PDB file of N, CA and C in Angstrom:
ATOM      1  N   MET A   1      69.068 199.103  68.374  1.00  0.00           N
ATOM      2  CA  MET A   1      68.215 198.430  67.437  1.00  0.00           C
ATOM      3  C   MET A   1      68.897 197.146  66.992  1.00  0.00           C
ATOM      4  N   PRO A   2      68.147 196.057  66.902  1.00  0.00           N
ATOM      5  CA  PRO A   2      68.746 194.800  66.424  1.00  0.00           C
ATOM      6  C   PRO A   2      69.270 194.957  64.997  1.00  0.00           C
ATOM      7  N   ASP A   3      70.282 194.200  64.677  1.00  0.00           N
ATOM      8  CA  ASP A   3      70.915 194.249  63.369  1.00  0.00           C
ATOM      9  C   ASP A   3      70.425 193.069  62.539  1.00  0.00           C
ATOM     10  N   LEU A   4      69.970 193.339  61.318  1.00  0.00           N
ATOM     11  CA  LEU A   4      69.454 192.285  60.455  1.00  0.00           C
ATOM     12  C   LEU A   4      70.499 191.214  60.200  1.00  0.00           C
ATOM     13  N   SER A   5      71.746 191.601  60.025  1.00  0.00           N
ATOM     14  CA  SER A   5      72.783 190.608  59.740  1.00  0.00           C
ATOM     15  C   SER A   5      73.011 189.670  60.920  1.00  0.00           C
ATOM     16  N   ALA A   6      72.769 190.149  62.137  1.00  0.00           N
ATOM     17  CA  ALA A   6      72.905 189.289  63.308  1.00  0.00           C
ATOM     18  C   ALA A   6      71.680 188.398  63.485  1.00  0.00           C
ATOM     19  N   LEU A   7      70.506 188.936  63.197  1.00  0.00           N
ATOM     20  CA  LEU A   7      69.273 188.174  63.374  1.00  0.00           C
ATOM     21  C   LEU A   7      69.025 187.178  62.252  1.00  0.00           C
ATOM     22  N   GLU A   8      69.342 187.574  61.056  1.00  0.00           N
ATOM     23  CA  GLU A   8      69.019 186.755  59.897  1.00  0.00           C
ATOM     24  C   GLU A   8      70.118 186.866  58.837  1.00  0.00           C
ATOM     25  N   PRO A   9      71.292 186.279  59.115  1.00  0.00           N
ATOM     26  CA  PRO A   9      72.422 186.436  58.197  1.00  0.00           C
ATOM     27  C   PRO A   9      72.165 185.850  56.809  1.00  0.00           C
ATOM     28  N   VAL A  10      71.302 184.863  56.717  1.00  0.00           N
ATOM     29  CA  VAL A  10      71.006 184.270  55.412  1.00  0.00           C
ATOM     30  C   VAL A  10      70.287 185.269  54.511  1.00  0.00           C
ATOM     31  N   VAL A  11      69.520 186.167  55.109  1.00  0.00           N
ATOM     32  CA  VAL A  11      68.778 187.185  54.359  1.00  0.00           C
ATOM     33  C   VAL A  11      69.619 188.447  54.176  1.00  0.00           C
ATOM     34  N   ALA A  12      70.366 188.821  55.170  1.00  0.00           N
ATOM     35  CA  ALA A  12      71.074 190.102  55.163  1.00  0.00           C
ATOM     36  C   ALA A  12      72.076 190.221  54.016  1.00  0.00           C
ATOM     37  N   GLY A  13      72.826 189.190  53.753  1.00  0.00           N
ATOM     38  CA  GLY A  13      73.828 189.242  52.680  1.00  0.00           C
ATOM     39  C   GLY A  13      73.208 189.469  51.307  1.00  0.00           C
ATOM     40  N   PRO A  14      72.238 188.632  50.928  1.00  0.00           N
ATOM     41  CA  PRO A  14      71.603 188.854  49.626  1.00  0.00           C
ATOM     42  C   PRO A  14      70.880 190.196  49.533  1.00  0.00           C
ATOM     43  N   LEU A  15      70.249 190.638  50.612  1.00  0.00           N
ATOM     44  CA  LEU A  15      69.586 191.944  50.581  1.00  0.00           C
ATOM     45  C   LEU A  15      70.616 193.046  50.366  1.00  0.00           C
ATOM     46  N   ALA A  16      71.749 192.953  51.029  1.00  0.00           N
ATOM     47  CA  ALA A  16      72.807 193.955  50.840  1.00  0.00           C
ATOM     48  C   ALA A  16      73.285 193.970  49.387  1.00  0.00           C
ATOM     49  N   ASP A  17      73.406 192.800  48.768  1.00  0.00           N
ATOM     50  CA  ASP A  17      73.811 192.732  47.360  1.00  0.00           C
ATOM     51  C   ASP A  17      72.762 193.395  46.460  1.00  0.00           C
ATOM     52  N   LEU A  18      71.494 193.129  46.749  1.00  0.00           N
ATOM     53  CA  LEU A  18      70.422 193.742  45.967  1.00  0.00           C
ATOM     54  C   LEU A  18      70.421 195.261  46.123  1.00  0.00           C
ATOM     55  N   VAL A  19      70.636 195.717  47.347  1.00  0.00           N
ATOM     56  CA  VAL A  19      70.679 197.166  47.602  1.00  0.00           C
ATOM     57  C   VAL A  19      71.799 197.809  46.783  1.00  0.00           C
ATOM     58  N   GLU A  20      72.951 197.193  46.743  1.00  0.00           N
ATOM     59  CA  GLU A  20      74.053 197.750  45.951  1.00  0.00           C
ATOM     60  C   GLU A  20      73.660 197.839  44.485  1.00  0.00           C
ATOM     61  N   GLY A  21      72.918 196.851  43.997  1.00  0.00           N
ATOM     62  CA  GLY A  21      72.464 196.876  42.613  1.00  0.00           C
ATOM     63  C   GLY A  21      71.519 198.019  42.316  1.00  0.00           C
ATOM     64  N   VAL A  22      70.728 198.419  43.306  1.00  0.00           N
ATOM     65  CA  VAL A  22      69.807 199.537  43.128  1.00  0.00           C
ATOM     66  C   VAL A  22      70.576 200.815  42.817  1.00  0.00           C
ATOM     67  N   TRP A  23      71.724 200.955  43.421  1.00  0.00           N
ATOM     68  CA  TRP A  23      72.497 202.201  43.325  1.00  0.00           C
ATOM     69  C   TRP A  23      73.642 202.103  42.321  1.00  0.00           C
ATOM     70  N   ASP A  24      73.610 201.137  41.413  1.00  0.00           N
ATOM     71  CA  ASP A  24      74.737 200.942  40.499  1.00  0.00           C
ATOM     72  C   ASP A  24      74.722 201.830  39.263  1.00  0.00           C
ATOM     73  N   GLY A  25      73.720 202.705  39.152  1.00  0.00           N
ATOM     74  CA  GLY A  25      73.700 203.670  38.063  1.00  0.00           C
ATOM     75  C   GLY A  25      72.792 203.319  36.905  1.00  0.00           C
ATOM     76  N   ARG A  26      72.164 202.145  36.915  1.00  0.00           N
ATOM     77  CA  ARG A  26      71.242 201.817  35.827  1.00  0.00           C
ATOM     78  C   ARG A  26      70.045 202.760  35.823  1.00  0.00           C
ATOM     79  N   ILE A  27      69.667 203.212  37.017  1.00  0.00           N
ATOM     80  CA  ILE A  27      68.602 204.197  37.169  1.00  0.00           C
ATOM     81  C   ILE A  27      69.242 205.449  37.753  1.00  0.00           C
ATOM     82  N   ASP A  28      68.826 206.596  37.270  1.00  0.00           N
ATOM     83  CA  ASP A  28      69.344 207.855  37.795  1.00  0.00           C
ATOM     84  C   ASP A  28      69.174 207.853  39.312  1.00  0.00           C
ATOM     85  N   PRO A  29      70.257 208.029  40.065  1.00  0.00           N
ATOM     86  CA  PRO A  29      70.162 208.008  41.527  1.00  0.00           C
ATOM     87  C   PRO A  29      69.205 209.055  42.100  1.00  0.00           C
ATOM     88  N   THR A  30      68.964 210.127  41.360  1.00  0.00           N
ATOM     89  CA  THR A  30      68.009 211.135  41.823  1.00  0.00           C
ATOM     90  C   THR A  30      66.603 210.543  41.877  1.00  0.00           C
ATOM     91  N   ILE A  31      66.243 209.771  40.857  1.00  0.00           N
ATOM     92  CA  ILE A  31      64.934 209.111  40.854  1.00  0.00           C
ATOM     93  C   ILE A  31      64.845 208.136  42.022  1.00  0.00           C
ATOM     94  N   VAL A  32      65.874 207.326  42.181  1.00  0.00           N
ATOM     95  CA  VAL A  32      65.875 206.327  43.252  1.00  0.00           C
ATOM     96  C   VAL A  32      65.731 207.005  44.611  1.00  0.00           C
ATOM     97  N   GLU A  33      66.481 208.063  44.833  1.00  0.00           N
ATOM     98  CA  GLU A  33      66.432 208.746  46.132  1.00  0.00           C
ATOM     99  C   GLU A  33      65.084 209.420  46.360  1.00  0.00           C
ATOM    100  N   ARG A  34      64.534 210.066  45.337  1.00  0.00           N
ATOM    101  CA  ARG A  34      63.202 210.676  45.507  1.00  0.00           C
ATOM    102  C   ARG A  34      62.158 209.611  45.849  1.00  0.00           C
ATOM    103  N   CYS A  35      62.213 208.482  45.161  1.00  0.00           N
ATOM    104  CA  CYS A  35      61.237 207.416  45.397  1.00  0.00           C
ATOM    105  C   CYS A  35      61.459 206.762  46.769  1.00  0.00           C
ATOM    106  N   ARG A  36      62.718 206.600  47.181  1.00  0.00           N
ATOM    107  CA  ARG A  36      63.002 206.050  48.509  1.00  0.00           C
ATOM    108  C   ARG A  36      62.413 206.961  49.580  1.00  0.00           C
ATOM    109  N   ARG A  37      62.627 208.254  49.426  1.00  0.00           N
ATOM    110  CA  ARG A  37      62.092 209.209  50.413  1.00  0.00           C
ATOM    111  C   ARG A  37      60.566 209.173  50.448  1.00  0.00           C
ATOM    112  N   ARG A  38      59.954 209.056  49.262  1.00  0.00           N
ATOM    113  CA  ARG A  38      58.492 209.005  49.227  1.00  0.00           C
ATOM    114  C   ARG A  38      57.987 207.734  49.898  1.00  0.00           C
ATOM    115  N   MET A  39      58.663 206.627  49.681  1.00  0.00           N
ATOM    116  CA  MET A  39      58.285 205.374  50.347  1.00  0.00           C
ATOM    117  C   MET A  39      58.364 205.529  51.861  1.00  0.00           C
ATOM    118  N   CYS A  40      59.437 206.142  52.331  1.00  0.00           N
ATOM    119  CA  CYS A  40      59.587 206.362  53.777  1.00  0.00           C
ATOM    120  C   CYS A  40      58.415 207.166  54.325  1.00  0.00           C
ATOM    121  N   ALA A  41      58.032 208.211  53.615  1.00  0.00           N
ATOM    122  CA  ALA A  41      56.919 209.038  54.076  1.00  0.00           C
ATOM    123  C   ALA A  41      55.614 208.238  54.075  1.00  0.00           C
ATOM    124  N   LEU A  42      55.372 207.482  53.023  1.00  0.00           N
ATOM    125  CA  LEU A  42      54.131 206.706  52.930  1.00  0.00           C
ATOM    126  C   LEU A  42      54.054 205.601  53.984  1.00  0.00           C
ATOM    127  N   LEU A  43      55.201 205.030  54.325  1.00  0.00           N
ATOM    128  CA  LEU A  43      55.238 203.927  55.293  1.00  0.00           C
ATOM    129  C   LEU A  43      55.489 204.412  56.720  1.00  0.00           C
ATOM    130  N   ASP A  44      55.573 205.721  56.898  1.00  0.00           N
ATOM    131  CA  ASP A  44      55.848 206.315  58.205  1.00  0.00           C
ATOM    132  C   ASP A  44      57.146 205.767  58.797  1.00  0.00           C
ATOM    133  N   ALA A  45      58.156 205.696  57.937  1.00  0.00           N
ATOM    134  CA  ALA A  45      59.472 205.209  58.333  1.00  0.00           C
ATOM    135  C   ALA A  45      60.404 206.396  58.572  1.00  0.00           C
ATOM    136  N   ARG A  46      61.535 206.118  59.197  1.00  0.00           N
ATOM    137  CA  ARG A  46      62.547 207.153  59.381  1.00  0.00           C
ATOM    138  C   ARG A  46      62.935 207.699  58.009  1.00  0.00           C
ATOM    139  N   PRO A  47      63.153 208.997  57.883  1.00  0.00           N
ATOM    140  CA  PRO A  47      63.505 209.562  56.569  1.00  0.00           C
ATOM    141  C   PRO A  47      64.788 208.988  55.979  1.00  0.00           C
ATOM    142  N   ASP A  48      65.665 208.476  56.829  1.00  0.00           N
ATOM    143  CA  ASP A  48      66.914 207.923  56.308  1.00  0.00           C
ATOM    144  C   ASP A  48      66.880 206.399  56.178  1.00  0.00           C
ATOM    145  N   ALA A  49      65.730 205.774  56.408  1.00  0.00           N
ATOM    146  CA  ALA A  49      65.635 204.318  56.270  1.00  0.00           C
ATOM    147  C   ALA A  49      65.968 203.925  54.828  1.00  0.00           C
ATOM    148  N   GLY A  50      66.917 203.051  54.692  1.00  0.00           N
ATOM    149  CA  GLY A  50      67.306 202.588  53.369  1.00  0.00           C
ATOM    150  C   GLY A  50      68.172 203.561  52.584  1.00  0.00           C
ATOM    151  N   ARG A  51      68.583 204.651  53.215  1.00  0.00           N
ATOM    152  CA  ARG A  51      69.422 205.630  52.501  1.00  0.00           C
ATOM    153  C   ARG A  51      70.796 205.026  52.263  1.00  0.00           C
ATOM    154  N   HIS A  52      71.257 205.161  51.061  1.00  0.00           N
ATOM    155  CA  HIS A  52      72.556 204.622  50.660  1.00  0.00           C
ATOM    156  C   HIS A  52      73.609 205.713  50.751  1.00  0.00           C
ATOM    157  N   ALA A  53      74.831 205.324  51.035  1.00  0.00           N
ATOM    158  CA  ALA A  53      75.919 206.298  51.177  1.00  0.00           C
ATOM    159  C   ALA A  53      76.137 207.123  49.910  1.00  0.00           C
ATOM    160  N   THR A  54      75.798 206.556  48.760  1.00  0.00           N
ATOM    161  CA  THR A  54      76.009 207.276  47.505  1.00  0.00           C
ATOM    162  C   THR A  54      74.771 208.041  47.032  1.00  0.00           C
ATOM    163  N   ALA A  55      73.704 208.035  47.827  1.00  0.00           N
ATOM    164  CA  ALA A  55      72.482 208.740  47.431  1.00  0.00           C
ATOM    165  C   ALA A  55      72.762 210.232  47.316  1.00  0.00           C
ATOM    166  N   PRO A  56      72.254 210.851  46.268  1.00  0.00           N
ATOM    167  CA  PRO A  56      72.518 212.287  46.092  1.00  0.00           C
ATOM    168  C   PRO A  56      71.672 213.136  47.035  1.00  0.00           C
ATOM    169  N   GLU A  57      72.171 214.317  47.322  1.00  0.00           N
ATOM    170  CA  GLU A  57      71.355 215.316  48.001  1.00  0.00           C
ATOM    171  C   GLU A  57      70.395 215.852  46.947  1.00  0.00           C
ATOM    172  N   LEU A  58      69.150 215.997  47.311  1.00  0.00           N
ATOM    173  CA  LEU A  58      68.164 216.437  46.333  1.00  0.00           C
ATOM    174  C   LEU A  58      68.007 217.946  46.379  1.00  0.00           C
ATOM    175  N   THR A  59      68.011 218.534  45.218  1.00  0.00           N
ATOM    176  CA  THR A  59      67.778 219.967  45.102  1.00  0.00           C
ATOM    177  C   THR A  59      66.755 220.172  43.999  1.00  0.00           C
ATOM    178  N   GLY A  60      66.050 221.246  44.088  1.00  0.00           N
ATOM    179  CA  GLY A  60      65.090 221.566  43.046  1.00  0.00           C
ATOM    180  C   GLY A  60      63.838 220.707  43.109  1.00  0.00           C
ATOM    181  N   GLU A  61      62.943 221.010  42.216  1.00  0.00           N
ATOM    182  CA  GLU A  61      61.676 220.297  42.132  1.00  0.00           C
ATOM    183  C   GLU A  61      61.821 219.098  41.201  1.00  0.00           C
ATOM    184  N   PRO A  62      61.003 218.077  41.428  1.00  0.00           N
ATOM    185  CA  PRO A  62      61.046 216.926  40.518  1.00  0.00           C
ATOM    186  C   PRO A  62      60.630 217.336  39.098  1.00  0.00           C
ATOM    187  N   ASP A  63      61.270 216.727  38.104  1.00  0.00           N
ATOM    188  CA  ASP A  63      60.868 216.974  36.718  1.00  0.00           C
ATOM    189  C   ASP A  63      59.767 215.982  36.332  1.00  0.00           C
ATOM    190  N   ASP A  64      59.325 216.035  35.089  1.00  0.00           N
ATOM    191  CA  ASP A  64      58.236 215.163  34.642  1.00  0.00           C
ATOM    192  C   ASP A  64      58.591 213.687  34.794  1.00  0.00           C
ATOM    193  N   ARG A  65      59.839 213.348  34.506  1.00  0.00           N
ATOM    194  CA  ARG A  65      60.298 211.966  34.661  1.00  0.00           C
ATOM    195  C   ARG A  65      60.201 211.533  36.120  1.00  0.00           C
ATOM    196  N   ASP A  66      60.676 212.388  37.017  1.00  0.00           N
ATOM    197  CA  ASP A  66      60.615 212.084  38.445  1.00  0.00           C
ATOM    198  C   ASP A  66      59.167 211.945  38.909  1.00  0.00           C
ATOM    199  N   ARG A  67      58.310 212.838  38.431  1.00  0.00           N
ATOM    200  CA  ARG A  67      56.894 212.799  38.835  1.00  0.00           C
ATOM    201  C   ARG A  67      56.223 211.505  38.400  1.00  0.00           C
ATOM    202  N   ALA A  68      56.520 211.049  37.198  1.00  0.00           N
ATOM    203  CA  ALA A  68      55.945 209.779  36.724  1.00  0.00           C
ATOM    204  C   ALA A  68      56.403 208.628  37.611  1.00  0.00           C
ATOM    205  N   CYS A  69      57.678 208.625  37.952  1.00  0.00           N
ATOM    206  CA  CYS A  69      58.219 207.562  38.810  1.00  0.00           C
ATOM    207  C   CYS A  69      57.663 207.656  40.230  1.00  0.00           C
ATOM    208  N   LEU A  70      57.488 208.865  40.727  1.00  0.00           N
ATOM    209  CA  LEU A  70      56.911 209.046  42.064  1.00  0.00           C
ATOM    210  C   LEU A  70      55.456 208.585  42.108  1.00  0.00           C
ATOM    211  N   ALA A  71      54.681 208.884  41.076  1.00  0.00           N
ATOM    212  CA  ALA A  71      53.282 208.440  41.034  1.00  0.00           C
ATOM    213  C   ALA A  71      53.213 206.911  41.009  1.00  0.00           C
ATOM    214  N   PHE A  72      54.085 206.294  40.246  1.00  0.00           N
ATOM    215  CA  PHE A  72      54.149 204.833  40.189  1.00  0.00           C
ATOM    216  C   PHE A  72      54.515 204.271  41.561  1.00  0.00           C
ATOM    217  N   THR A  73      55.478 204.911  42.209  1.00  0.00           N
ATOM    218  CA  THR A  73      55.914 204.482  43.543  1.00  0.00           C
ATOM    219  C   THR A  73      54.770 204.571  44.545  1.00  0.00           C
ATOM    220  N   GLU A  74      54.038 205.650  44.514  1.00  0.00           N
ATOM    221  CA  GLU A  74      52.909 205.811  45.443  1.00  0.00           C
ATOM    222  C   GLU A  74      51.880 204.704  45.241  1.00  0.00           C
ATOM    223  N   GLN A  75      51.568 204.412  43.989  1.00  0.00           N
ATOM    224  CA  GLN A  75      50.601 203.339  43.719  1.00  0.00           C
ATOM    225  C   GLN A  75      51.156 202.001  44.185  1.00  0.00           C
ATOM    226  N   TRP A  76      52.442 201.781  43.943  1.00  0.00           N
ATOM    227  CA  TRP A  76      53.133 200.545  44.335  1.00  0.00           C
ATOM    228  C   TRP A  76      52.990 200.307  45.835  1.00  0.00           C
ATOM    229  N   VAL A  77      53.201 201.343  46.617  1.00  0.00           N
ATOM    230  CA  VAL A  77      53.183 201.217  48.071  1.00  0.00           C
ATOM    231  C   VAL A  77      51.755 201.184  48.619  1.00  0.00           C
ATOM    232  N   LEU A  78      50.907 202.052  48.128  1.00  0.00           N
ATOM    233  CA  LEU A  78      49.577 202.207  48.724  1.00  0.00           C
ATOM    234  C   LEU A  78      48.568 201.152  48.279  1.00  0.00           C
ATOM    235  N   ASP A  79      48.598 200.793  46.999  1.00  0.00           N
ATOM    236  CA  ASP A  79      47.606 199.835  46.510  1.00  0.00           C
ATOM    237  C   ASP A  79      48.107 199.154  45.239  1.00  0.00           C
ATOM    238  N   PRO A  80      49.055 198.234  45.375  1.00  0.00           N
ATOM    239  CA  PRO A  80      49.633 197.609  44.176  1.00  0.00           C
ATOM    240  C   PRO A  80      48.615 196.819  43.350  1.00  0.00           C
ATOM    241  N   HIS A  81      47.554 196.347  43.983  1.00  0.00           N
ATOM    242  CA  HIS A  81      46.548 195.586  43.245  1.00  0.00           C
ATOM    243  C   HIS A  81      45.772 196.471  42.268  1.00  0.00           C
ATOM    244  N   ALA A  82      45.788 197.767  42.500  1.00  0.00           N
ATOM    245  CA  ALA A  82      45.079 198.694  41.623  1.00  0.00           C
ATOM    246  C   ALA A  82      46.004 199.305  40.562  1.00  0.00           C
ATOM    247  N   MET A  83      47.214 198.771  40.440  1.00  0.00           N
ATOM    248  CA  MET A  83      48.151 199.241  39.429  1.00  0.00           C
ATOM    249  C   MET A  83      47.538 198.968  38.049  1.00  0.00           C
ATOM    250  N   THR A  84      47.586 199.971  37.199  1.00  0.00           N
ATOM    251  CA  THR A  84      46.972 199.843  35.876  1.00  0.00           C
ATOM    252  C   THR A  84      48.019 199.992  34.777  1.00  0.00           C
ATOM    253  N   ASP A  85      47.590 199.696  33.564  1.00  0.00           N
ATOM    254  CA  ASP A  85      48.466 199.908  32.422  1.00  0.00           C
ATOM    255  C   ASP A  85      48.853 201.379  32.299  1.00  0.00           C
ATOM    256  N   ALA A  86      47.966 202.273  32.704  1.00  0.00           N
ATOM    257  CA  ALA A  86      48.271 203.705  32.642  1.00  0.00           C
ATOM    258  C   ALA A  86      49.430 204.065  33.566  1.00  0.00           C
ATOM    259  N   HIS A  87      49.485 203.452  34.745  1.00  0.00           N
ATOM    260  CA  HIS A  87      50.617 203.700  35.646  1.00  0.00           C
ATOM    261  C   HIS A  87      51.918 203.265  34.976  1.00  0.00           C
ATOM    262  N   ALA A  88      51.891 202.091  34.381  1.00  0.00           N
ATOM    263  CA  ALA A  88      53.089 201.583  33.713  1.00  0.00           C
ATOM    264  C   ALA A  88      53.437 202.427  32.487  1.00  0.00           C
ATOM    265  N   ALA A  89      52.428 202.846  31.730  1.00  0.00           N
ATOM    266  CA  ALA A  89      52.674 203.637  30.527  1.00  0.00           C
ATOM    267  C   ALA A  89      53.347 204.964  30.856  1.00  0.00           C
ATOM    268  N   ALA A  90      52.980 205.557  31.982  1.00  0.00           N
ATOM    269  CA  ALA A  90      53.593 206.825  32.372  1.00  0.00           C
ATOM    270  C   ALA A  90      55.089 206.655  32.623  1.00  0.00           C
ATOM    271  N   VAL A  91      55.470 205.502  33.161  1.00  0.00           N
ATOM    272  CA  VAL A  91      56.891 205.241  33.419  1.00  0.00           C
ATOM    273  C   VAL A  91      57.604 204.821  32.139  1.00  0.00           C
ATOM    274  N   THR A  92      56.958 203.997  31.322  1.00  0.00           N
ATOM    275  CA  THR A  92      57.614 203.575  30.078  1.00  0.00           C
ATOM    276  C   THR A  92      57.769 204.740  29.102  1.00  0.00           C
ATOM    277  N   ALA A  93      57.023 205.809  29.321  1.00  0.00           N
ATOM    278  CA  ALA A  93      57.176 206.996  28.478  1.00  0.00           C
ATOM    279  C   ALA A  93      58.435 207.787  28.821  1.00  0.00           C
ATOM    280  N   VAL A  94      58.973 207.577  30.021  1.00  0.00           N
ATOM    281  CA  VAL A  94      60.127 208.376  30.454  1.00  0.00           C
ATOM    282  C   VAL A  94      61.380 207.546  30.731  1.00  0.00           C
ATOM    283  N   LEU A  95      61.237 206.228  30.761  1.00  0.00           N
ATOM    284  CA  LEU A  95      62.381 205.335  30.977  1.00  0.00           C
ATOM    285  C   LEU A  95      62.423 204.293  29.865  1.00  0.00           C
ATOM    286  N   SER A  96      63.608 203.823  29.554  1.00  0.00           N
ATOM    287  CA  SER A  96      63.740 202.751  28.565  1.00  0.00           C
ATOM    288  C   SER A  96      63.184 201.453  29.148  1.00  0.00           C
ATOM    289  N   PRO A  97      62.906 200.448  28.311  1.00  0.00           N
ATOM    290  CA  PRO A  97      62.424 199.173  28.846  1.00  0.00           C
ATOM    291  C   PRO A  97      63.374 198.576  29.898  1.00  0.00           C
ATOM    292  N   SER A  98      64.664 198.654  29.647  1.00  0.00           N
ATOM    293  CA  SER A  98      65.644 198.141  30.604  1.00  0.00           C
ATOM    294  C   SER A  98      65.592 198.930  31.917  1.00  0.00           C
ATOM    295  N   GLN A  99      65.486 200.239  31.807  1.00  0.00           N
ATOM    296  CA  GLN A  99      65.392 201.068  33.008  1.00  0.00           C
ATOM    297  C   GLN A  99      64.099 200.794  33.768  1.00  0.00           C
ATOM    298  N   CYS A 100      63.014 200.552  33.051  1.00  0.00           N
ATOM    299  CA  CYS A 100      61.741 200.220  33.713  1.00  0.00           C
ATOM    300  C   CYS A 100      61.879 198.942  34.535  1.00  0.00           C
ATOM    301  N   ALA A 101      62.525 197.946  33.960  1.00  0.00           N
ATOM    302  CA  ALA A 101      62.739 196.696  34.688  1.00  0.00           C
ATOM    303  C   ALA A 101      63.597 196.956  35.928  1.00  0.00           C
ATOM    304  N   SER A 102      64.656 197.711  35.766  1.00  0.00           N
ATOM    305  CA  SER A 102      65.528 198.028  36.903  1.00  0.00           C
ATOM    306  C   SER A 102      64.791 198.869  37.940  1.00  0.00           C
ATOM    307  N   PHE A 103      63.959 199.790  37.484  1.00  0.00           N
ATOM    308  CA  PHE A 103      63.211 200.650  38.394  1.00  0.00           C
ATOM    309  C   PHE A 103      62.248 199.838  39.252  1.00  0.00           C
ATOM    310  N   THR A 104      61.501 198.933  38.647  1.00  0.00           N
ATOM    311  CA  THR A 104      60.554 198.144  39.440  1.00  0.00           C
ATOM    312  C   THR A 104      61.282 197.236  40.427  1.00  0.00           C
ATOM    313  N   MET A 105      62.410 196.688  40.034  1.00  0.00           N
ATOM    314  CA  MET A 105      63.197 195.880  40.975  1.00  0.00           C
ATOM    315  C   MET A 105      63.749 196.756  42.089  1.00  0.00           C
ATOM    316  N   ALA A 106      64.152 197.976  41.754  1.00  0.00           N
ATOM    317  CA  ALA A 106      64.648 198.899  42.775  1.00  0.00           C
ATOM    318  C   ALA A 106      63.556 199.196  43.796  1.00  0.00           C
ATOM    319  N   LEU A 107      62.326 199.406  43.332  1.00  0.00           N
ATOM    320  CA  LEU A 107      61.233 199.654  44.266  1.00  0.00           C
ATOM    321  C   LEU A 107      61.032 198.478  45.210  1.00  0.00           C
ATOM    322  N   ALA A 108      61.099 197.274  44.673  1.00  0.00           N
ATOM    323  CA  ALA A 108      60.915 196.088  45.513  1.00  0.00           C
ATOM    324  C   ALA A 108      62.007 195.998  46.574  1.00  0.00           C
ATOM    325  N   VAL A 109      63.238 196.254  46.175  1.00  0.00           N
ATOM    326  CA  VAL A 109      64.359 196.181  47.112  1.00  0.00           C
ATOM    327  C   VAL A 109      64.269 197.279  48.159  1.00  0.00           C
ATOM    328  N   LEU A 110      63.983 198.503  47.725  1.00  0.00           N
ATOM    329  CA  LEU A 110      63.867 199.611  48.677  1.00  0.00           C
ATOM    330  C   LEU A 110      62.734 199.363  49.669  1.00  0.00           C
ATOM    331  N   GLU A 111      61.608 198.873  49.172  1.00  0.00           N
ATOM    332  CA  GLU A 111      60.495 198.599  50.070  1.00  0.00           C
ATOM    333  C   GLU A 111      60.869 197.528  51.090  1.00  0.00           C
ATOM    334  N   ALA A 112      61.540 196.472  50.648  1.00  0.00           N
ATOM    335  CA  ALA A 112      61.974 195.426  51.582  1.00  0.00           C
ATOM    336  C   ALA A 112      62.922 195.998  52.624  1.00  0.00           C
ATOM    337  N   GLN A 113      63.833 196.833  52.190  1.00  0.00           N
ATOM    338  CA  GLN A 113      64.801 197.427  53.111  1.00  0.00           C
ATOM    339  C   GLN A 113      64.115 198.344  54.124  1.00  0.00           C
ATOM    340  N   ILE A 114      63.195 199.152  53.665  1.00  0.00           N
ATOM    341  CA  ILE A 114      62.484 200.074  54.566  1.00  0.00           C
ATOM    342  C   ILE A 114      61.605 199.304  55.530  1.00  0.00           C
ATOM    343  N   ARG A 115      60.905 198.295  55.035  1.00  0.00           N
ATOM    344  CA  ARG A 115      60.041 197.505  55.923  1.00  0.00           C
ATOM    345  C   ARG A 115      60.867 196.704  56.931  1.00  0.00           C
ATOM    346  N   ALA A 116      62.023 196.229  56.539  1.00  0.00           N
ATOM    347  CA  ALA A 116      62.903 195.545  57.490  1.00  0.00           C
ATOM    348  C   ALA A 116      63.343 196.522  58.576  1.00  0.00           C
ATOM    349  N   ASP A 117      63.675 197.743  58.189  1.00  0.00           N
ATOM    350  CA  ASP A 117      64.053 198.764  59.165  1.00  0.00           C
ATOM    351  C   ASP A 117      62.915 199.030  60.145  1.00  0.00           C
ATOM    352  N   LEU A 118      61.697 199.137  59.628  1.00  0.00           N
ATOM    353  CA  LEU A 118      60.533 199.349  60.505  1.00  0.00           C
ATOM    354  C   LEU A 118      60.361 198.194  61.496  1.00  0.00           C
ATOM    355  N   THR A 119      60.508 196.986  61.004  1.00  0.00           N
ATOM    356  CA  THR A 119      60.360 195.803  61.850  1.00  0.00           C
ATOM    357  C   THR A 119      61.441 195.752  62.924  1.00  0.00           C
ATOM    358  N   LEU A 120      62.674 196.006  62.540  1.00  0.00           N
ATOM    359  CA  LEU A 120      63.770 195.968  63.506  1.00  0.00           C
ATOM    360  C   LEU A 120      63.611 197.056  64.561  1.00  0.00           C
ATOM    361  N   ARG A 121      63.106 198.209  64.153  1.00  0.00           N
ATOM    362  CA  ARG A 121      62.868 199.276  65.151  1.00  0.00           C
ATOM    363  C   ARG A 121      61.766 198.861  66.114  1.00  0.00           C
ATOM    364  N   ALA A 122      60.768 198.156  65.639  1.00  0.00           N
ATOM    365  CA  ALA A 122      59.697 197.695  66.527  1.00  0.00           C
ATOM    366  C   ALA A 122      60.199 196.667  67.532  1.00  0.00           C
ATOM    367  N   LEU A 123      61.235 195.923  67.148  1.00  0.00           N
ATOM    368  CA  LEU A 123      61.806 194.919  68.057  1.00  0.00           C
ATOM    369  C   LEU A 123      62.720 195.531  69.115  1.00  0.00           C
ATOM    370  N   ALA A 124      63.178 196.744  68.846  1.00  0.00           N
ATOM    371  CA  ALA A 124      64.129 197.385  69.766  1.00  0.00           C
ATOM    372  C   ALA A 124      63.483 197.782  71.080  1.00  0.00           C
TER     373      ALA A 124
END
């Protein structure tokens, strides 16, 4: 498979920096990993696309906080134009304002990483 850093080094470095920021602990890594996995399933990507070395192994069922974040993630991926205040309210009820900002940026970065993986696999 082609390597993003070889094909587009101007993009690869900043994307790698953003990815590290996703996993820096501002958001519970369990939430990030559950949402990354859900994105992979929705986008028909490899289950490990965008998986970070520090991502936790998931055990147990998602809690209410995880479910709110997963529902937001599904809407984000499937139909972002139909995102409503109710979607945001469900997340702001379980995350602080700072965490909400970090969470939405994490979704953007994870989606970019997963879609880049899909594109590079198509080029292989």
